[in-house]
PDB file of N, CA and C in Angstrom:
ATOM      1  N   MET A   1       1.020  -1.173   0.348  1.00  0.00           N
ATOM      2  CA  MET A   1      -0.005  -0.184  -0.109  1.00  0.00           C
ATOM      3  C   MET A   1       1.031   1.105  -0.475  1.00  0.00           C
ATOM      4  N   ASN A   2       0.325   2.209  -0.937  1.00  0.00           N
ATOM      5  CA  ASN A   2       1.501   3.433  -0.772  1.00  0.00           C
ATOM      6  C   ASN A   2       0.999   4.459   0.220  1.00  0.00           C
ATOM      7  N   TRP A   3       2.136   5.619   0.130  1.00  0.00           N
ATOM      8  CA  TRP A   3       1.740   6.544   1.126  1.00  0.00           C
ATOM      9  C   TRP A   3       1.606   7.813  -0.180  1.00  0.00           C
ATOM     10  N   ASP A   4       0.454   8.396   0.578  1.00  0.00           N
ATOM     11  CA  ASP A   4       0.393   9.405   0.278  1.00  0.00           C
ATOM     12  C   ASP A   4       1.098  11.116   0.918  1.00  0.00           C
ATOM     13  N   TYR A   5       0.841  11.945   0.459  1.00  0.00           N
ATOM     14  CA  TYR A   5       1.623  13.661   1.061  1.00  0.00           C
ATOM     15  C   TYR A   5       0.657  14.310   0.855  1.00  0.00           C
ATOM     16  N   ARG A   6       0.596  15.439   1.997  1.00  0.00           N
ATOM     17  CA  ARG A   6      -0.038  16.640   1.866  1.00  0.00           C
ATOM     18  C   ARG A   6       0.448  17.770   2.151  1.00  0.00           C
ATOM     19  N   LEU A   7       0.709  18.769   1.147  1.00  0.00           N
ATOM     20  CA  LEU A   7       1.760  19.769   0.689  1.00  0.00           C
ATOM     21  C   LEU A   7       0.830  20.967   1.715  1.00  0.00           C
ATOM     22  N   SER A   8       1.605  21.675   2.500  1.00  0.00           N
ATOM     23  CA  SER A   8       1.418  22.420   3.293  1.00  0.00           C
ATOM     24  C   SER A   8       0.782  23.903   2.233  1.00  0.00           C
ATOM     25  N   ASP A   9       0.432  25.085   2.764  1.00  0.00           N
ATOM     26  CA  ASP A   9       0.355  26.300   1.285  1.00  0.00           C
ATOM     27  C   ASP A   9       1.911  26.799   1.645  1.00  0.00           C
ATOM     28  N   LYS A  10       2.827  27.190   2.943  1.00  0.00           N
ATOM     29  CA  LYS A  10       3.889  27.260   2.709  1.00  0.00           C
ATOM     30  C   LYS A  10       4.647  26.454   2.061  1.00  0.00           C
ATOM     31  N   ALA A  11       4.796  25.269   1.858  1.00  0.00           N
ATOM     32  CA  ALA A  11       5.533  24.412   0.996  1.00  0.00           C
ATOM     33  C   ALA A  11       5.171  24.398  -0.318  1.00  0.00           C
ATOM     34  N   LEU A  12       4.064  24.919  -0.796  1.00  0.00           N
ATOM     35  CA  LEU A  12       3.556  25.111  -2.318  1.00  0.00           C
ATOM     36  C   LEU A  12       3.672  26.132  -2.590  1.00  0.00           C
ATOM     37  N   LYS A  13       3.769  27.457  -1.894  1.00  0.00           N
ATOM     38  CA  LYS A  13       4.507  28.918  -2.098  1.00  0.00           C
ATOM     39  C   LYS A  13       5.855  28.823  -2.527  1.00  0.00           C
ATOM     40  N   ASN A  14       6.807  27.667  -1.534  1.00  0.00           N
ATOM     41  CA  ASN A  14       8.161  28.100  -1.816  1.00  0.00           C
ATOM     42  C   ASN A  14       8.126  27.012  -2.851  1.00  0.00           C
ATOM     43  N   LEU A  15       7.658  26.003  -3.039  1.00  0.00           N
ATOM     44  CA  LEU A  15       8.232  25.055  -4.316  1.00  0.00           C
ATOM     45  C   LEU A  15       7.671  25.906  -5.664  1.00  0.00           C
ATOM     46  N   LYS A  16       6.504  26.693  -5.626  1.00  0.00           N
ATOM     47  CA  LYS A  16       6.395  27.504  -6.848  1.00  0.00           C
ATOM     48  C   LYS A  16       7.378  28.552  -7.401  1.00  0.00           C
ATOM     49  N   GLU A  17       8.634  29.113  -6.241  1.00  0.00           N
ATOM     50  CA  GLU A  17       9.669  30.038  -6.612  1.00  0.00           C
ATOM     51  C   GLU A  17      10.315  29.454  -7.143  1.00  0.00           C
ATOM     52  N   PHE A  18      10.870  28.101  -6.918  1.00  0.00           N
ATOM     53  CA  PHE A  18      11.980  27.384  -7.503  1.00  0.00           C
ATOM     54  C   PHE A  18      12.165  27.365  -8.938  1.00  0.00           C
ATOM     55  N   PRO A  19      13.072  27.062  -9.375  1.00  0.00           N
ATOM     56  CA  PRO A  19      13.379  27.272 -11.154  1.00  0.00           C
ATOM     57  C   PRO A  19      12.643  25.727 -11.184  1.00  0.00           C
ATOM     58  N   LYS A  20      11.980  25.901 -12.377  1.00  0.00           N
ATOM     59  CA  LYS A  20      11.526  24.781 -13.223  1.00  0.00           C
ATOM     60  C   LYS A  20      11.912  23.260 -12.929  1.00  0.00           C
ATOM     61  N   GLN A  21      13.381  23.094 -13.420  1.00  0.00           N
ATOM     62  CA  GLN A  21      14.349  21.892 -13.245  1.00  0.00           C
ATOM     63  C   GLN A  21      14.258  21.817 -12.019  1.00  0.00           C
ATOM     64  N   ASP A  22      14.622  22.530 -11.017  1.00  0.00           N
ATOM     65  CA  ASP A  22      14.580  21.844  -9.151  1.00  0.00           C
ATOM     66  C   ASP A  22      13.027  21.659  -8.856  1.00  0.00           C
ATOM     67  N   ARG A  23      12.101  22.288  -9.578  1.00  0.00           N
ATOM     68  CA  ARG A  23      10.974  21.870  -8.676  1.00  0.00           C
ATOM     69  C   ARG A  23      10.601  20.653  -9.227  1.00  0.00           C
ATOM     70  N   LEU A  24      10.811  20.201 -10.728  1.00  0.00           N
ATOM     71  CA  LEU A  24      10.514  18.560 -11.482  1.00  0.00           C
ATOM     72  C   LEU A  24      11.581  17.889 -10.736  1.00  0.00           C
ATOM     73  N   ARG A  25      12.976  18.006  -9.648  1.00  0.00           N
ATOM     74  CA  ARG A  25      13.458  16.960  -9.203  1.00  0.00           C
ATOM     75  C   ARG A  25      12.596  16.749  -8.251  1.00  0.00           C
ATOM     76  N   ILE A  26      12.473  17.842  -7.293  1.00  0.00           N
ATOM     77  CA  ILE A  26      11.403  17.802  -6.157  1.00  0.00           C
ATOM     78  C   ILE A  26      10.301  17.116  -6.360  1.00  0.00           C
ATOM     79  N   TYR A  27       9.383  17.446  -7.113  1.00  0.00           N
ATOM     80  CA  TYR A  27       8.224  16.744  -7.518  1.00  0.00           C
ATOM     81  C   TYR A  27       8.247  15.048  -7.614  1.00  0.00           C
ATOM     82  N   GLU A  28       9.636  14.613  -8.584  1.00  0.00           N
ATOM     83  CA  GLU A  28       9.631  13.372  -8.661  1.00  0.00           C
ATOM     84  C   GLU A  28      10.208  12.845  -7.385  1.00  0.00           C
ATOM     85  N   ALA A  29      10.874  13.499  -6.334  1.00  0.00           N
ATOM     86  CA  ALA A  29      11.337  13.015  -5.082  1.00  0.00           C
ATOM     87  C   ALA A  29      10.094  12.107  -4.179  1.00  0.00           C
ATOM     88  N   LEU A  30       9.074  13.782  -4.484  1.00  0.00           N
ATOM     89  CA  LEU A  30       7.755  13.300  -3.507  1.00  0.00           C
ATOM     90  C   LEU A  30       7.128  12.068  -4.024  1.00  0.00           C
ATOM     91  N   GLU A  31       6.859  11.762  -5.421  1.00  0.00           N
ATOM     92  CA  GLU A  31       6.600  10.749  -5.861  1.00  0.00           C
ATOM     93  C   GLU A  31       7.050   9.303  -5.167  1.00  0.00           C
ATOM     94  N   THR A  32       8.235   9.289  -5.579  1.00  0.00           N
ATOM     95  CA  THR A  32       9.484   7.992  -4.966  1.00  0.00           C
ATOM     96  C   THR A  32       9.139   7.935  -3.711  1.00  0.00           C
ATOM     97  N   MET A  33       8.787   8.819  -2.632  1.00  0.00           N
ATOM     98  CA  MET A  33       8.194   8.805  -1.286  1.00  0.00           C
ATOM     99  C   MET A  33       6.989   8.143  -1.314  1.00  0.00           C
ATOM    100  N   LYS A  34       6.302   8.421  -2.028  1.00  0.00           N
ATOM    101  CA  LYS A  34       4.836   7.390  -1.810  1.00  0.00           C
ATOM    102  C   LYS A  34       5.112   5.843  -2.008  1.00  0.00           C
ATOM    103  N   ASP A  35       6.465   5.362  -2.923  1.00  0.00           N
ATOM    104  CA  ASP A  35       6.569   3.772  -2.541  1.00  0.00           C
ATOM    105  C   ASP A  35       7.379   3.455  -1.314  1.00  0.00           C
ATOM    106  N   ALA A  36       8.224   4.610  -0.321  1.00  0.00           N
ATOM    107  CA  ALA A  36       9.252   4.319   0.368  1.00  0.00           C
ATOM    108  C   ALA A  36       9.670   5.497   0.900  1.00  0.00           C
ATOM    109  N   PRO A  37       8.890   6.046   1.882  1.00  0.00           N
ATOM    110  CA  PRO A  37       9.608   7.806   2.205  1.00  0.00           C
ATOM    111  C   PRO A  37      10.604   7.503   3.075  1.00  0.00           C
ATOM    112  N   PHE A  38      11.219   6.737   3.387  1.00  0.00           N
ATOM    113  CA  PHE A  38      12.434   6.660   4.202  1.00  0.00           C
ATOM    114  C   PHE A  38      13.706   6.146   3.861  1.00  0.00           C
ATOM    115  N   ILE A  39      13.669   6.164   2.274  1.00  0.00           N
ATOM    116  CA  ILE A  39      14.528   5.666   1.314  1.00  0.00           C
ATOM    117  C   ILE A  39      15.153   6.839   0.926  1.00  0.00           C
ATOM    118  N   GLY A  40      16.547   6.987   0.830  1.00  0.00           N
ATOM    119  CA  GLY A  40      17.156   8.045   0.663  1.00  0.00           C
ATOM    120  C   GLY A  40      18.240   8.896   1.723  1.00  0.00           C
ATOM    121  N   ASP A  41      18.487  10.168   1.185  1.00  0.00           N
ATOM    122  CA  ASP A  41      19.669  10.905   2.260  1.00  0.00           C
ATOM    123  C   ASP A  41      17.887  11.665   3.500  1.00  0.00           C
ATOM    124  N   ILE A  42      18.060  10.698   4.275  1.00  0.00           N
ATOM    125  CA  ILE A  42      16.325  11.137   5.513  1.00  0.00           C
ATOM    126  C   ILE A  42      17.298  10.840   6.345  1.00  0.00           C
ATOM    127  N   LYS A  43      17.123  12.121   7.502  1.00  0.00           N
ATOM    128  CA  LYS A  43      17.169  12.303   8.951  1.00  0.00           C
ATOM    129  C   LYS A  43      15.991  12.708  10.066  1.00  0.00           C
ATOM    130  N   PRO A  44      16.186  12.426  11.065  1.00  0.00           N
ATOM    131  CA  PRO A  44      15.207  13.134  11.973  1.00  0.00           C
ATOM    132  C   PRO A  44      15.957  14.424  12.337  1.00  0.00           C
ATOM    133  N   ILE A  45      14.954  15.384  12.351  1.00  0.00           N
ATOM    134  CA  ILE A  45      15.522  16.510  12.672  1.00  0.00           C
ATOM    135  C   ILE A  45      15.554  16.314  14.391  1.00  0.00           C
ATOM    136  N   GLN A  46      16.799  17.100  15.003  1.00  0.00           N
ATOM    137  CA  GLN A  46      16.748  16.916  16.181  1.00  0.00           C
ATOM    138  C   GLN A  46      16.091  18.068  16.975  1.00  0.00           C
ATOM    139  N   GLY A  47      15.406  17.530  17.966  1.00  0.00           N
ATOM    140  CA  GLY A  47      14.588  18.899  19.072  1.00  0.00           C
ATOM    141  C   GLY A  47      13.034  18.724  18.558  1.00  0.00           C
ATOM    142  N   GLU A  48      12.628  18.221  17.393  1.00  0.00           N
ATOM    143  CA  GLU A  48      11.570  18.139  16.933  1.00  0.00           C
ATOM    144  C   GLU A  48      10.911  16.627  16.781  1.00  0.00           C
ATOM    145  N   GLU A  49       9.538  16.660  17.202  1.00  0.00           N
ATOM    146  CA  GLU A  49       9.340  15.457  17.573  1.00  0.00           C
ATOM    147  C   GLU A  49       8.164  14.901  16.091  1.00  0.00           C
ATOM    148  N   ASN A  50       8.679  13.782  15.675  1.00  0.00           N
ATOM    149  CA  ASN A  50       8.205  13.375  14.146  1.00  0.00           C
ATOM    150  C   ASN A  50       8.563  14.007  13.012  1.00  0.00           C
ATOM    151  N   LEU A  51       9.463  14.635  12.982  1.00  0.00           N
ATOM    152  CA  LEU A  51      10.286  15.370  11.884  1.00  0.00           C
ATOM    153  C   LEU A  51      11.068  15.243  11.305  1.00  0.00           C
ATOM    154  N   TRP A  52      11.248  15.011   9.811  1.00  0.00           N
ATOM    155  CA  TRP A  52      12.125  14.153   9.235  1.00  0.00           C
ATOM    156  C   TRP A  52      12.737  15.642   8.004  1.00  0.00           C
ATOM    157  N   ARG A  53      14.020  14.849   7.634  1.00  0.00           N
ATOM    158  CA  ARG A  53      14.216  16.216   6.046  1.00  0.00           C
ATOM    159  C   ARG A  53      14.808  14.812   5.107  1.00  0.00           C
ATOM    160  N   ARG A  54      14.455  15.132   4.275  1.00  0.00           N
ATOM    161  CA  ARG A  54      14.691  14.836   2.814  1.00  0.00           C
ATOM    162  C   ARG A  54      15.917  15.278   1.801  1.00  0.00           C
ATOM    163  N   ARG A  55      17.054  15.096   2.000  1.00  0.00           N
ATOM    164  CA  ARG A  55      17.816  16.095   1.084  1.00  0.00           C
ATOM    165  C   ARG A  55      17.806  15.558  -0.363  1.00  0.00           C
ATOM    166  N   ILE A  56      17.461  16.747  -1.188  1.00  0.00           N
ATOM    167  CA  ILE A  56      17.229  16.599  -2.719  1.00  0.00           C
ATOM    168  C   ILE A  56      18.407  17.883  -3.288  1.00  0.00           C
ATOM    169  N   GLY A  57      19.414  17.196  -3.373  1.00  0.00           N
ATOM    170  CA  GLY A  57      20.891  17.995  -4.201  1.00  0.00           C
ATOM    171  C   GLY A  57      20.959  19.258  -2.913  1.00  0.00           C
ATOM    172  N   ALA A  58      20.524  20.516  -3.336  1.00  0.00           N
ATOM    173  CA  ALA A  58      20.756  21.686  -2.524  1.00  0.00           C
ATOM    174  C   ALA A  58      18.947  22.272  -1.348  1.00  0.00           C
ATOM    175  N   TYR A  59      18.349  21.038  -1.925  1.00  0.00           N
ATOM    176  CA  TYR A  59      17.067  21.469  -1.266  1.00  0.00           C
ATOM    177  C   TYR A  59      16.723  20.170  -0.040  1.00  0.00           C
ATOM    178  N   ARG A  60      15.344  20.821   0.856  1.00  0.00           N
ATOM    179  CA  ARG A  60      15.740  19.778   1.887  1.00  0.00           C
ATOM    180  C   ARG A  60      13.743  19.809   2.089  1.00  0.00           C
ATOM    181  N   ILE A  61      13.543  18.602   1.822  1.00  0.00           N
ATOM    182  CA  ILE A  61      11.925  18.615   2.202  1.00  0.00           C
ATOM    183  C   ILE A  61      11.829  18.494   3.571  1.00  0.00           C
ATOM    184  N   TYR A  62      11.259  18.608   3.918  1.00  0.00           N
ATOM    185  CA  TYR A  62      10.498  18.440   5.825  1.00  0.00           C
ATOM    186  C   TYR A  62       9.326  17.400   5.741  1.00  0.00           C
ATOM    187  N   PHE A  63       9.578  16.825   6.483  1.00  0.00           N
ATOM    188  CA  PHE A  63       8.269  16.055   6.375  1.00  0.00           C
ATOM    189  C   PHE A  63       7.750  15.134   7.957  1.00  0.00           C
ATOM    190  N   ARG A  64       6.692  14.774   8.293  1.00  0.00           N
ATOM    191  CA  ARG A  64       5.921  14.285   9.190  1.00  0.00           C
ATOM    192  C   ARG A  64       5.160  13.016   8.820  1.00  0.00           C
ATOM    193  N   PRO A  65       5.612  11.543   8.644  1.00  0.00           N
ATOM    194  CA  PRO A  65       4.938  10.359   8.663  1.00  0.00           C
ATOM    195  C   PRO A  65       3.979  10.341   9.667  1.00  0.00           C
ATOM    196  N   PHE A  66       2.703   9.961   9.076  1.00  0.00           N
ATOM    197  CA  PHE A  66       1.819   9.348  10.271  1.00  0.00           C
ATOM    198  C   PHE A  66       1.660   8.031   9.612  1.00  0.00           C
ATOM    199  N   HIS A  67       2.284   7.256  10.372  1.00  0.00           N
ATOM    200  CA  HIS A  67       1.968   5.404   9.705  1.00  0.00           C
ATOM    201  C   HIS A  67       0.645   4.571   9.540  1.00  0.00           C
ATOM    202  N   GLU A  68      -0.020   5.344  10.476  1.00  0.00           N
ATOM    203  CA  GLU A  68      -1.560   4.491  10.952  1.00  0.00           C
ATOM    204  C   GLU A  68      -2.374   4.884   9.561  1.00  0.00           C
ATOM    205  N   LYS A  69      -2.070   6.148   8.540  1.00  0.00           N
ATOM    206  CA  LYS A  69      -2.942   6.833   7.616  1.00  0.00           C
ATOM    207  C   LYS A  69      -2.029   6.332   6.808  1.00  0.00           C
ATOM    208  N   ARG A  70      -0.883   6.074   6.844  1.00  0.00           N
ATOM    209  CA  ARG A  70       0.167   5.900   5.448  1.00  0.00           C
ATOM    210  C   ARG A  70       0.344   7.199   4.588  1.00  0.00           C
ATOM    211  N   VAL A  71       0.227   8.799   5.134  1.00  0.00           N
ATOM    212  CA  VAL A  71       0.611   9.731   4.629  1.00  0.00           C
ATOM    213  C   VAL A  71       1.412  10.740   5.664  1.00  0.00           C
ATOM    214  N   PHE A  72       2.036  11.509   4.955  1.00  0.00           N
ATOM    215  CA  PHE A  72       3.125  12.313   4.967  1.00  0.00           C
ATOM    216  C   PHE A  72       2.817  13.656   5.169  1.00  0.00           C
ATOM    217  N   ASP A  73       2.870  14.522   5.923  1.00  0.00           N
ATOM    218  CA  ASP A  73       2.627  16.394   5.684  1.00  0.00           C
ATOM    219  C   ASP A  73       3.579  16.797   5.575  1.00  0.00           C
ATOM    220  N   ILE A  74       3.705  17.630   4.955  1.00  0.00           N
ATOM    221  CA  ILE A  74       5.192  18.217   3.883  1.00  0.00           C
ATOM    222  C   ILE A  74       5.084  19.803   4.678  1.00  0.00           C
ATOM    223  N   PRO A  75       5.425  20.126   5.670  1.00  0.00           N
ATOM    224  CA  PRO A  75       5.424  21.542   6.377  1.00  0.00           C
ATOM    225  C   PRO A  75       6.397  22.626   5.458  1.00  0.00           C
ATOM    226  N   GLY A  76       7.098  22.162   4.845  1.00  0.00           N
ATOM    227  CA  GLY A  76       8.016  23.257   4.507  1.00  0.00           C
ATOM    228  C   GLY A  76       9.156  22.539   3.288  1.00  0.00           C
ATOM    229  N   ILE A  77       9.623  22.992   2.441  1.00  0.00           N
ATOM    230  CA  ILE A  77      10.810  22.588   1.228  1.00  0.00           C
ATOM    231  C   ILE A  77      11.519  23.833   1.133  1.00  0.00           C
ATOM    232  N   GLU A  78      12.833  23.385   1.674  1.00  0.00           N
ATOM    233  CA  GLU A  78      13.484  24.658   1.734  1.00  0.00           C
ATOM    234  C   GLU A  78      14.853  24.820   0.453  1.00  0.00           C
ATOM    235  N   ARG A  79      15.534  25.467   0.118  1.00  0.00           N
ATOM    236  CA  ARG A  79      17.061  25.634  -0.548  1.00  0.00           C
ATOM    237  C   ARG A  79      18.164  26.022   0.425  1.00  0.00           C
ATOM    238  N   LYS A  80      18.851  24.982   0.841  1.00  0.00           N
ATOM    239  CA  LYS A  80      19.842  25.296   1.901  1.00  0.00           C
ATOM    240  C   LYS A  80      21.123  26.012   1.107  1.00  0.00           C
ATOM    241  N   ARG A  81      21.155  27.289   2.256  1.00  0.00           N
ATOM    242  CA  ARG A  81      21.633  28.102   1.885  1.00  0.00           C
ATOM    243  C   ARG A  81      23.325  27.893   2.448  1.00  0.00           C
ATOM    244  N   SER A  82      24.336  28.639   1.501  1.00  0.00           N
ATOM    245  CA  SER A  82      25.885  28.583   2.085  1.00  0.00           C
ATOM    246  C   SER A  82      26.231  29.531   2.733  1.00  0.00           C
ATOM    247  N   HIS A  83      27.058  28.755   3.785  1.00  0.00           N
ATOM    248  CA  HIS A  83      27.308  30.384   5.038  1.00  0.00           C
ATOM    249  C   HIS A  83      28.356  30.932   4.573  1.00  0.00           C
TER     250      HIS A  83
END
């Protein structure tokens, strides 16, 4: 049984601002996460309950999985900035 995802308004707004090629890569990653949300460069966010991030190049997809419903909420998608 596949998972599904829900983008927050903030995540959707950020996604629309990214270059088209990057948006496509992120959407591809989201689609692969439907089959296996914990495969890839995944790490839990320290200090947060049930919040994870997946790295896609310079971008980070933040998500909260809900195993009972097989859905993950995406509160944010951000571009990692250099220091």
